[in-house]
């Protein structure tokens, strides 16, 4: 894998997408910040257009948001499906997540 993408949330006050590229020429990460998980499908499609071979989403992406990304990726990469997934947290972390995200 030479290029992969990670989508995370910036917060509702974000007005533009943020893109940061880090890593090395042999393994490049394109980190894309979006205002909300609802913007994830567009960001995922953009990542695939940029050559991402794998897409990960931050833990703020719930099942419906993950399904939206999956649908977008299945349309945009029908010939060569792009693996995608989301960061998850164990149940014992629920209190901390609720404190952060409500």
C-alpha atoms as a PDB file:
ATOM      1  CA  UNK A   1       0.000   0.000   0.000  1.00  0.00           C
ATOM      2  CA  UNK A   2       1.454   3.315  -1.061  1.00  0.00           C
ATOM      3  CA  UNK A   3      -1.397   5.732  -0.265  1.00  0.00           C
ATOM      4  CA  UNK A   4      -4.256   5.604   2.217  1.00  0.00           C
ATOM      5  CA  UNK A   5      -6.768   8.029   3.663  1.00  0.00           C
ATOM      6  CA  UNK A   6      -8.181   8.862   7.063  1.00  0.00           C
ATOM      7  CA  UNK A   7     -11.343  10.952   7.476  1.00  0.00           C
ATOM      8  CA  UNK A   8     -11.965  12.777  10.743  1.00  0.00           C
ATOM      9  CA  UNK A   9     -14.326  15.471  11.986  1.00  0.00           C
ATOM     10  CA  UNK A  10     -13.264  19.081  12.438  1.00  0.00           C
ATOM     11  CA  UNK A  11     -16.463  20.268  14.080  1.00  0.00           C
ATOM     12  CA  UNK A  12     -19.654  21.941  12.978  1.00  0.00           C
ATOM     13  CA  UNK A  13     -17.989  25.366  12.778  1.00  0.00           C
ATOM     14  CA  UNK A  14     -15.651  24.194   9.985  1.00  0.00           C
ATOM     15  CA  UNK A  15     -16.460  25.805   6.657  1.00  0.00           C
ATOM     16  CA  UNK A  16     -13.925  24.058   4.457  1.00  0.00           C
ATOM     17  CA  UNK A  17     -12.362  20.629   4.178  1.00  0.00           C
ATOM     18  CA  UNK A  18      -8.848  20.314   5.583  1.00  0.00           C
ATOM     19  CA  UNK A  19      -6.299  18.093   3.857  1.00  0.00           C
ATOM     20  CA  UNK A  20      -2.907  17.143   5.287  1.00  0.00           C
ATOM     21  CA  UNK A  21      -0.464  14.751   3.660  1.00  0.00           C
ATOM     22  CA  UNK A  22       2.100  13.039   5.865  1.00  0.00           C
ATOM     23  CA  UNK A  23       4.368  10.025   5.661  1.00  0.00           C
ATOM     24  CA  UNK A  24       6.870   9.174   2.989  1.00  0.00           C
ATOM     25  CA  UNK A  25       6.814   8.528  -0.758  1.00  0.00           C
ATOM     26  CA  UNK A  26       6.463   4.802  -0.057  1.00  0.00           C
ATOM     27  CA  UNK A  27       3.583   5.155   2.433  1.00  0.00           C
ATOM     28  CA  UNK A  28       1.573   8.356   2.282  1.00  0.00           C
ATOM     29  CA  UNK A  29      -1.360   9.226   4.533  1.00  0.00           C
ATOM     30  CA  UNK A  30      -3.893  11.766   3.343  1.00  0.00           C
ATOM     31  CA  UNK A  31      -5.814  13.018   6.387  1.00  0.00           C
ATOM     32  CA  UNK A  32      -9.077  14.741   5.509  1.00  0.00           C
ATOM     33  CA  UNK A  33     -10.981  16.795   8.064  1.00  0.00           C
ATOM     34  CA  UNK A  34     -14.694  17.368   7.426  1.00  0.00           C
ATOM     35  CA  UNK A  35     -17.318  19.401   9.285  1.00  0.00           C
ATOM     36  CA  UNK A  36     -19.428  16.356  10.134  1.00  0.00           C
ATOM     37  CA  UNK A  37     -19.618  12.620   9.421  1.00  0.00           C
ATOM     38  CA  UNK A  38     -22.346  13.419   6.878  1.00  0.00           C
ATOM     39  CA  UNK A  39     -19.554  14.804   4.680  1.00  0.00           C
ATOM     40  CA  UNK A  40     -17.644  11.531   4.781  1.00  0.00           C
ATOM     41  CA  UNK A  41     -18.941  10.020   1.544  1.00  0.00           C
ATOM     42  CA  UNK A  42     -17.721  12.982  -0.513  1.00  0.00           C
ATOM     43  CA  UNK A  43     -14.361  12.924   1.256  1.00  0.00           C
ATOM     44  CA  UNK A  44     -13.990   9.178   0.685  1.00  0.00           C
ATOM     45  CA  UNK A  45     -14.736   9.507  -3.012  1.00  0.00           C
ATOM     46  CA  UNK A  46     -12.210  12.334  -3.257  1.00  0.00           C
ATOM     47  CA  UNK A  47      -9.604  10.181  -1.499  1.00  0.00           C
ATOM     48  CA  UNK A  48     -10.111   7.362  -4.005  1.00  0.00           C
ATOM     49  CA  UNK A  49      -9.786   9.886  -6.833  1.00  0.00           C
ATOM     50  CA  UNK A  50      -6.437  10.876  -5.278  1.00  0.00           C
ATOM     51  CA  UNK A  51      -5.267   7.258  -5.376  1.00  0.00           C
ATOM     52  CA  UNK A  52      -6.098   6.091  -1.844  1.00  0.00           C
ATOM     53  CA  UNK A  53      -6.002   2.314  -1.645  1.00  0.00           C
ATOM     54  CA  UNK A  54      -7.663   2.151   1.784  1.00  0.00           C
ATOM     55  CA  UNK A  55      -9.995   4.517   3.673  1.00  0.00           C
ATOM     56  CA  UNK A  56     -10.449   4.723   7.438  1.00  0.00           C
ATOM     57  CA  UNK A  57     -12.934   6.853   9.376  1.00  0.00           C
ATOM     58  CA  UNK A  58     -12.627   8.241  12.894  1.00  0.00           C
ATOM     59  CA  UNK A  59     -14.804   6.976  15.723  1.00  0.00           C
ATOM     60  CA  UNK A  60     -17.338   9.785  15.212  1.00  0.00           C
ATOM     61  CA  UNK A  61     -18.688   7.931  12.158  1.00  0.00           C
ATOM     62  CA  UNK A  62     -21.709   5.916  13.224  1.00  0.00           C
ATOM     63  CA  UNK A  63     -23.261   3.003  11.337  1.00  0.00           C
ATOM     64  CA  UNK A  64     -25.336   5.192   8.997  1.00  0.00           C
ATOM     65  CA  UNK A  65     -22.318   7.368   8.144  1.00  0.00           C
ATOM     66  CA  UNK A  66     -20.180   4.271   7.545  1.00  0.00           C
ATOM     67  CA  UNK A  67     -22.877   2.844   5.271  1.00  0.00           C
ATOM     68  CA  UNK A  68     -22.958   6.096   3.291  1.00  0.00           C
ATOM     69  CA  UNK A  69     -19.194   5.937   2.795  1.00  0.00           C
ATOM     70  CA  UNK A  70     -19.429   2.259   1.807  1.00  0.00           C
ATOM     71  CA  UNK A  71     -22.098   3.034  -0.789  1.00  0.00           C
ATOM     72  CA  UNK A  72     -20.071   5.914  -2.239  1.00  0.00           C
ATOM     73  CA  UNK A  73     -16.943   3.791  -2.451  1.00  0.00           C
ATOM     74  CA  UNK A  74     -18.760   0.888  -4.079  1.00  0.00           C
ATOM     75  CA  UNK A  75     -19.930   3.269  -6.814  1.00  0.00           C
ATOM     76  CA  UNK A  76     -16.615   5.063  -7.293  1.00  0.00           C
ATOM     77  CA  UNK A  77     -14.370   1.999  -7.232  1.00  0.00           C
ATOM     78  CA  UNK A  78     -16.591  -0.699  -8.708  1.00  0.00           C
ATOM     79  CA  UNK A  79     -13.745  -2.302 -10.656  1.00  0.00           C
ATOM     80  CA  UNK A  80     -11.268  -2.211  -7.775  1.00  0.00           C
ATOM     81  CA  UNK A  81     -13.069  -2.064  -4.415  1.00  0.00           C
ATOM     82  CA  UNK A  82     -11.309   0.038  -1.814  1.00  0.00           C
ATOM     83  CA  UNK A  83     -11.242  -1.459   1.692  1.00  0.00           C
ATOM     84  CA  UNK A  84     -12.779   0.860   4.276  1.00  0.00           C
ATOM     85  CA  UNK A  85     -13.443   0.778   7.991  1.00  0.00           C
ATOM     86  CA  UNK A  86     -13.826   2.847  11.114  1.00  0.00           C
ATOM     87  CA  UNK A  87     -12.035   3.225  14.406  1.00  0.00           C
ATOM     88  CA  UNK A  88     -14.005   1.622  17.225  1.00  0.00           C
ATOM     89  CA  UNK A  89     -13.804   1.818  20.993  1.00  0.00           C
ATOM     90  CA  UNK A  90     -14.441  -0.899  23.573  1.00  0.00           C
ATOM     91  CA  UNK A  91     -17.532  -0.586  25.762  1.00  0.00           C
ATOM     92  CA  UNK A  92     -15.531   0.437  28.819  1.00  0.00           C
ATOM     93  CA  UNK A  93     -14.667   3.695  27.038  1.00  0.00           C
ATOM     94  CA  UNK A  94     -18.310   4.805  26.659  1.00  0.00           C
ATOM     95  CA  UNK A  95     -18.263   7.234  29.600  1.00  0.00           C
ATOM     96  CA  UNK A  96     -15.266   9.101  28.228  1.00  0.00           C
ATOM     97  CA  UNK A  97     -16.764   9.268  24.757  1.00  0.00           C
ATOM     98  CA  UNK A  98     -20.056  10.595  26.122  1.00  0.00           C
ATOM     99  CA  UNK A  99     -18.128  13.241  28.062  1.00  0.00           C
ATOM    100  CA  UNK A 100     -16.397  14.362  24.860  1.00  0.00           C
ATOM    101  CA  UNK A 101     -19.218  14.065  22.349  1.00  0.00           C
ATOM    102  CA  UNK A 102     -22.391  14.204  24.426  1.00  0.00           C
END
